[in-house]
Amino acid sequence: MSKCQFCGKKNPPEVETCVECGATFLDRDREEPPSRPHSLEEELLDLLRGGQKIAAIKRYREENGVGLKEAKDAVELLAVEHEIAPTGGGCAGVLLLLLAAVVLWAF
């Protein structure tokens, strides 16, 4: 959709002038469509870089119709190949911090 810079009306992408006010669209006036990853691999890499490993596994399963273990292994291999380190410490890290706080507070 192209949004008119004068009246704000959203217009179909194929029109050259605004259907509301008649203003002529320039190429710079047209909104760019949101960019999408070019491949499943790029999409998975984007998810992994964003710390969304579970979403990447889920997406891999949707696309390939495989089981959880196979998808997890494939996504982890992809992360290793592209040197994407896992993020976060998980629940165990949080529990250790809480335990340390309680022990320090008790003394």
C-alpha atoms as a PDB file:
ATOM      1  CA  MET A   1       0.000   0.000   0.000  1.00  0.00           C
ATOM      2  CA  SER A   2       1.154   3.515  -0.770  1.00  0.00           C
ATOM      3  CA  LYS A   3       0.320   6.162   1.788  1.00  0.00           C
ATOM      4  CA  CYS A   4      -0.220   9.647   0.398  1.00  0.00           C
ATOM      5  CA  GLN A   5       2.164  12.169   1.928  1.00  0.00           C
ATOM      6  CA  PHE A   6      -0.457  14.921   1.589  1.00  0.00           C
ATOM      7  CA  CYS A   7      -3.758  13.455   2.782  1.00  0.00           C
ATOM      8  CA  GLY A   8      -2.586  10.212   4.471  1.00  0.00           C
ATOM      9  CA  LYS A   9      -4.904   7.972   2.417  1.00  0.00           C
ATOM     10  CA  LYS A  10      -3.662   4.423   1.835  1.00  0.00           C
ATOM     11  CA  ASN A  11      -3.757   3.538  -1.857  1.00  0.00           C
ATOM     12  CA  PRO A  12      -3.292   0.274  -3.776  1.00  0.00           C
ATOM     13  CA  PRO A  13       0.347  -0.213  -4.830  1.00  0.00           C
ATOM     14  CA  GLU A  14      -0.419  -0.114  -8.550  1.00  0.00           C
ATOM     15  CA  VAL A  15      -1.865   3.444  -8.642  1.00  0.00           C
ATOM     16  CA  GLU A  16       0.318   6.378  -9.655  1.00  0.00           C
ATOM     17  CA  THR A  17      -1.880   9.071  -8.071  1.00  0.00           C
ATOM     18  CA  CYS A  18      -3.738   9.232  -4.774  1.00  0.00           C
ATOM     19  CA  VAL A  19      -7.365   8.131  -5.090  1.00  0.00           C
ATOM     20  CA  GLU A  20      -8.361  10.694  -2.433  1.00  0.00           C
ATOM     21  CA  CYS A  21      -6.563  13.923  -3.371  1.00  0.00           C
ATOM     22  CA  GLY A  22      -4.979  13.148  -6.759  1.00  0.00           C
ATOM     23  CA  ALA A  23      -1.376  13.773  -5.683  1.00  0.00           C
ATOM     24  CA  THR A  24       1.236  12.011  -7.827  1.00  0.00           C
ATOM     25  CA  PHE A  25       3.346   9.347  -6.112  1.00  0.00           C
ATOM     26  CA  LEU A  26       7.094   9.439  -6.435  1.00  0.00           C
ATOM     27  CA  ASP A  27       9.142   6.292  -5.853  1.00  0.00           C
ATOM     28  CA  ARG A  28      10.336   7.714  -2.538  1.00  0.00           C
ATOM     29  CA  ASP A  29       6.696   8.150  -1.403  1.00  0.00           C
ATOM     30  CA  ARG A  30       5.978   4.427  -1.637  1.00  0.00           C
ATOM     31  CA  GLU A  31       6.287   2.339   1.497  1.00  0.00           C
ATOM     32  CA  GLU A  32       8.784  -0.503   1.246  1.00  0.00           C
ATOM     33  CA  PRO A  33       7.330  -3.945   1.926  1.00  0.00           C
ATOM     34  CA  PRO A  34       8.745  -5.564   5.045  1.00  0.00           C
ATOM     35  CA  SER A  35      11.795  -7.619   4.199  1.00  0.00           C
ATOM     36  CA  ARG A  36      11.599 -11.351   4.721  1.00  0.00           C
ATOM     37  CA  PRO A  37      14.474 -13.778   5.037  1.00  0.00           C
ATOM     38  CA  HIS A  38      15.385 -15.339   1.704  1.00  0.00           C
ATOM     39  CA  SER A  39      15.529 -18.895   2.957  1.00  0.00           C
ATOM     40  CA  LEU A  40      14.602 -21.092   5.866  1.00  0.00           C
ATOM     41  CA  GLU A  41      18.262 -21.193   6.887  1.00  0.00           C
ATOM     42  CA  GLU A  42      18.436 -17.390   7.071  1.00  0.00           C
ATOM     43  CA  GLU A  43      15.198 -17.307   9.050  1.00  0.00           C
ATOM     44  CA  LEU A  44      16.563 -19.877  11.504  1.00  0.00           C
ATOM     45  CA  LEU A  45      19.848 -17.999  11.822  1.00  0.00           C
ATOM     46  CA  ASP A  46      17.966 -14.777  12.584  1.00  0.00           C
ATOM     47  CA  LEU A  47      16.011 -16.568  15.309  1.00  0.00           C
ATOM     48  CA  LEU A  48      19.161 -18.123  16.773  1.00  0.00           C
ATOM     49  CA  ARG A  49      21.024 -14.809  16.790  1.00  0.00           C
ATOM     50  CA  GLY A  50      18.054 -13.334  18.630  1.00  0.00           C
ATOM     51  CA  GLY A  51      18.266 -16.017  21.317  1.00  0.00           C
ATOM     52  CA  GLN A  52      15.086 -17.757  20.127  1.00  0.00           C
ATOM     53  CA  LYS A  53      16.307 -21.334  19.849  1.00  0.00           C
ATOM     54  CA  ILE A  54      12.905 -22.871  20.656  1.00  0.00           C
ATOM     55  CA  ALA A  55      11.216 -20.769  17.963  1.00  0.00           C
ATOM     56  CA  ALA A  56      13.898 -21.896  15.482  1.00  0.00           C
ATOM     57  CA  ILE A  57      13.289 -25.555  16.356  1.00  0.00           C
ATOM     58  CA  LYS A  58       9.544 -25.066  16.034  1.00  0.00           C
ATOM     59  CA  ARG A  59       9.960 -23.370  12.627  1.00  0.00           C
ATOM     60  CA  TYR A  60      12.264 -26.154  11.415  1.00  0.00           C
ATOM     61  CA  ARG A  61       9.678 -28.753  12.438  1.00  0.00           C
ATOM     62  CA  GLU A  62       6.871 -26.873  10.666  1.00  0.00           C
ATOM     63  CA  GLU A  63       8.837 -26.618   7.449  1.00  0.00           C
ATOM     64  CA  ASN A  64      10.287 -30.139   7.364  1.00  0.00           C
ATOM     65  CA  GLY A  65       7.687 -32.248   9.204  1.00  0.00           C
ATOM     66  CA  VAL A  66      10.271 -33.914  11.441  1.00  0.00           C
ATOM     67  CA  GLY A  67      10.298 -34.884  15.098  1.00  0.00           C
ATOM     68  CA  LEU A  68      11.499 -32.754  17.978  1.00  0.00           C
ATOM     69  CA  LYS A  69      14.894 -34.453  18.388  1.00  0.00           C
ATOM     70  CA  GLU A  70      15.748 -34.278  14.706  1.00  0.00           C
ATOM     71  CA  ALA A  71      14.748 -30.598  14.541  1.00  0.00           C
ATOM     72  CA  LYS A  72      16.708 -29.776  17.715  1.00  0.00           C
ATOM     73  CA  ASP A  73      19.815 -31.527  16.399  1.00  0.00           C
ATOM     74  CA  ALA A  74      19.565 -29.768  13.031  1.00  0.00           C
ATOM     75  CA  VAL A  75      19.108 -26.325  14.599  1.00  0.00           C
ATOM     76  CA  GLU A  76      21.972 -26.880  17.050  1.00  0.00           C
ATOM     77  CA  LEU A  77      24.232 -28.021  14.199  1.00  0.00           C
ATOM     78  CA  LEU A  78      23.311 -24.890  12.248  1.00  0.00           C
ATOM     79  CA  ALA A  79      24.211 -22.759  15.281  1.00  0.00           C
ATOM     80  CA  VAL A  80      27.592 -24.506  15.629  1.00  0.00           C
ATOM     81  CA  GLU A  81      28.343 -24.136  11.906  1.00  0.00           C
ATOM     82  CA  HIS A  82      27.690 -20.392  12.126  1.00  0.00           C
ATOM     83  CA  GLU A  83      29.378 -19.980  15.514  1.00  0.00           C
ATOM     84  CA  ILE A  84      26.244 -18.802  17.288  1.00  0.00           C
ATOM     85  CA  ALA A  85      26.721 -19.390  20.997  1.00  0.00           C
ATOM     86  CA  PRO A  86      23.757 -20.318  23.186  1.00  0.00           C
ATOM     87  CA  THR A  87      22.437 -17.453  25.297  1.00  0.00           C
ATOM     88  CA  GLY A  88      21.250 -17.359  28.886  1.00  0.00           C
ATOM     89  CA  GLY A  89      21.921 -19.640  31.807  1.00  0.00           C
ATOM     90  CA  GLY A  90      18.530 -21.275  31.979  1.00  0.00           C
ATOM     91  CA  CYS A  91      16.620 -22.121  35.147  1.00  0.00           C
ATOM     92  CA  ALA A  92      19.597 -23.662  36.918  1.00  0.00           C
ATOM     93  CA  GLY A  93      21.489 -20.380  36.768  1.00  0.00           C
ATOM     94  CA  VAL A  94      18.575 -18.475  38.279  1.00  0.00           C
ATOM     95  CA  LEU A  95      18.172 -21.037  41.054  1.00  0.00           C
ATOM     96  CA  LEU A  96      21.869 -20.839  41.907  1.00  0.00           C
ATOM     97  CA  LEU A  97      21.673 -17.059  42.164  1.00  0.00           C
ATOM     98  CA  LEU A  98      18.630 -17.268  44.437  1.00  0.00           C
ATOM     99  CA  LEU A  99      20.300 -19.889  46.616  1.00  0.00           C
ATOM    100  CA  ALA A 100      23.429 -17.752  46.916  1.00  0.00           C
ATOM    101  CA  ALA A 101      21.318 -14.720  47.885  1.00  0.00           C
ATOM    102  CA  VAL A 102      19.512 -16.710  50.598  1.00  0.00           C
ATOM    103  CA  VAL A 103      22.767 -18.085  52.012  1.00  0.00           C
ATOM    104  CA  LEU A 104      24.370 -14.622  52.071  1.00  0.00           C
ATOM    105  CA  TRP A 105      21.263 -13.109  53.645  1.00  0.00           C
ATOM    106  CA  ALA A 106      21.229 -15.785  56.379  1.00  0.00           C
ATOM    107  CA  PHE A 107      24.770 -14.911  57.489  1.00  0.00           C
END
